[in-house]
Amino acid sequence: MRINLNWKRPLFYVLLPILVFMAFVGFPPPFPPARPTKPELEQSEPAEVREEGG
């Protein structure tokens, strides 16, 4: 027994809302960027002490 399954029509109705959404919003969708997990501190070298000499 063979079932004739037409996959083009369901595929069209599944992709239609996605295509309409992308037509109004654009691609890629403008989601906000991910927040950084932890702000990293700037690493600096200790200042060298200059000798006062004449």
C-alpha atoms as a PDB file:
ATOM      1  CA  MET A   1       0.000   0.000   0.000  1.00  0.00           C
ATOM      2  CA  ARG A   2       1.545   3.307  -1.122  1.00  0.00           C
ATOM      3  CA  ILE A   3       0.469   6.648   0.300  1.00  0.00           C
ATOM      4  CA  ASN A   4       0.814   9.551  -2.093  1.00  0.00           C
ATOM      5  CA  LEU A   5       2.257  12.270   0.137  1.00  0.00           C
ATOM      6  CA  ASN A   6       2.488  15.697  -1.387  1.00  0.00           C
ATOM      7  CA  TRP A   7       5.122  17.517   0.666  1.00  0.00           C
ATOM      8  CA  LYS A   8       5.272  20.751  -1.331  1.00  0.00           C
ATOM      9  CA  ARG A   9       2.023  22.274  -0.069  1.00  0.00           C
ATOM     10  CA  PRO A  10       2.685  21.727   3.701  1.00  0.00           C
ATOM     11  CA  LEU A  11       6.245  22.958   3.226  1.00  0.00           C
ATOM     12  CA  PHE A  12       4.923  26.145   1.620  1.00  0.00           C
ATOM     13  CA  TYR A  13       2.537  26.823   4.499  1.00  0.00           C
ATOM     14  CA  VAL A  14       5.288  26.193   7.042  1.00  0.00           C
ATOM     15  CA  LEU A  15       7.754  28.527   5.330  1.00  0.00           C
ATOM     16  CA  LEU A  16       5.234  31.265   4.489  1.00  0.00           C
ATOM     17  CA  PRO A  17       5.113  32.845   8.014  1.00  0.00           C
ATOM     18  CA  ILE A  18       8.913  32.751   8.190  1.00  0.00           C
ATOM     19  CA  LEU A  19       9.237  34.500   4.834  1.00  0.00           C
ATOM     20  CA  VAL A  20       6.648  37.138   5.777  1.00  0.00           C
ATOM     21  CA  PHE A  21       8.448  37.736   9.093  1.00  0.00           C
ATOM     22  CA  MET A  22      11.777  38.154   7.320  1.00  0.00           C
ATOM     23  CA  ALA A  23      10.205  40.534   4.783  1.00  0.00           C
ATOM     24  CA  PHE A  24       9.166  42.943   7.551  1.00  0.00           C
ATOM     25  CA  VAL A  25      12.022  42.477  10.006  1.00  0.00           C
ATOM     26  CA  GLY A  26      14.940  41.622   7.756  1.00  0.00           C
ATOM     27  CA  PHE A  27      17.669  39.040   8.001  1.00  0.00           C
ATOM     28  CA  PRO A  28      19.243  38.427  10.437  1.00  0.00           C
ATOM     29  CA  PRO A  29      16.536  39.443  12.929  1.00  0.00           C
ATOM     30  CA  PRO A  30      17.652  42.391  15.076  1.00  0.00           C
ATOM     31  CA  PHE A  31      17.991  40.599  18.389  1.00  0.00           C
ATOM     32  CA  PRO A  32      19.977  42.444  21.056  1.00  0.00           C
ATOM     33  CA  PRO A  33      23.583  41.287  21.484  1.00  0.00           C
ATOM     34  CA  ALA A  34      24.340  38.884  24.284  1.00  0.00           C
ATOM     35  CA  ARG A  35      25.435  40.478  27.533  1.00  0.00           C
ATOM     36  CA  PRO A  36      29.016  39.825  28.570  1.00  0.00           C
ATOM     37  CA  THR A  37      29.305  37.302  31.369  1.00  0.00           C
ATOM     38  CA  LYS A  38      31.732  39.328  33.491  1.00  0.00           C
ATOM     39  CA  PRO A  39      33.355  42.691  32.787  1.00  0.00           C
ATOM     40  CA  GLU A  40      37.058  42.151  32.504  1.00  0.00           C
ATOM     41  CA  LEU A  41      39.381  44.485  34.349  1.00  0.00           C
ATOM     42  CA  GLU A  42      42.108  46.250  32.444  1.00  0.00           C
ATOM     43  CA  GLN A  43      45.516  44.822  33.193  1.00  0.00           C
ATOM     44  CA  SER A  44      48.203  47.455  33.586  1.00  0.00           C
ATOM     45  CA  GLU A  45      51.853  47.237  34.505  1.00  0.00           C
ATOM     46  CA  PRO A  46      52.990  49.007  37.668  1.00  0.00           C
ATOM     47  CA  ALA A  47      54.565  52.385  37.020  1.00  0.00           C
ATOM     48  CA  GLU A  48      58.337  52.529  37.295  1.00  0.00           C
ATOM     49  CA  VAL A  49      59.666  54.885  39.916  1.00  0.00           C
ATOM     50  CA  ARG A  50      62.082  57.407  38.424  1.00  0.00           C
ATOM     51  CA  GLU A  51      65.053  58.411  40.512  1.00  0.00           C
ATOM     52  CA  GLU A  52      65.441  62.128  41.116  1.00  0.00           C
ATOM     53  CA  GLY A  53      69.028  62.877  40.169  1.00  0.00           C
ATOM     54  CA  GLY A  54      70.877  66.039  39.313  1.00  0.00           C
END
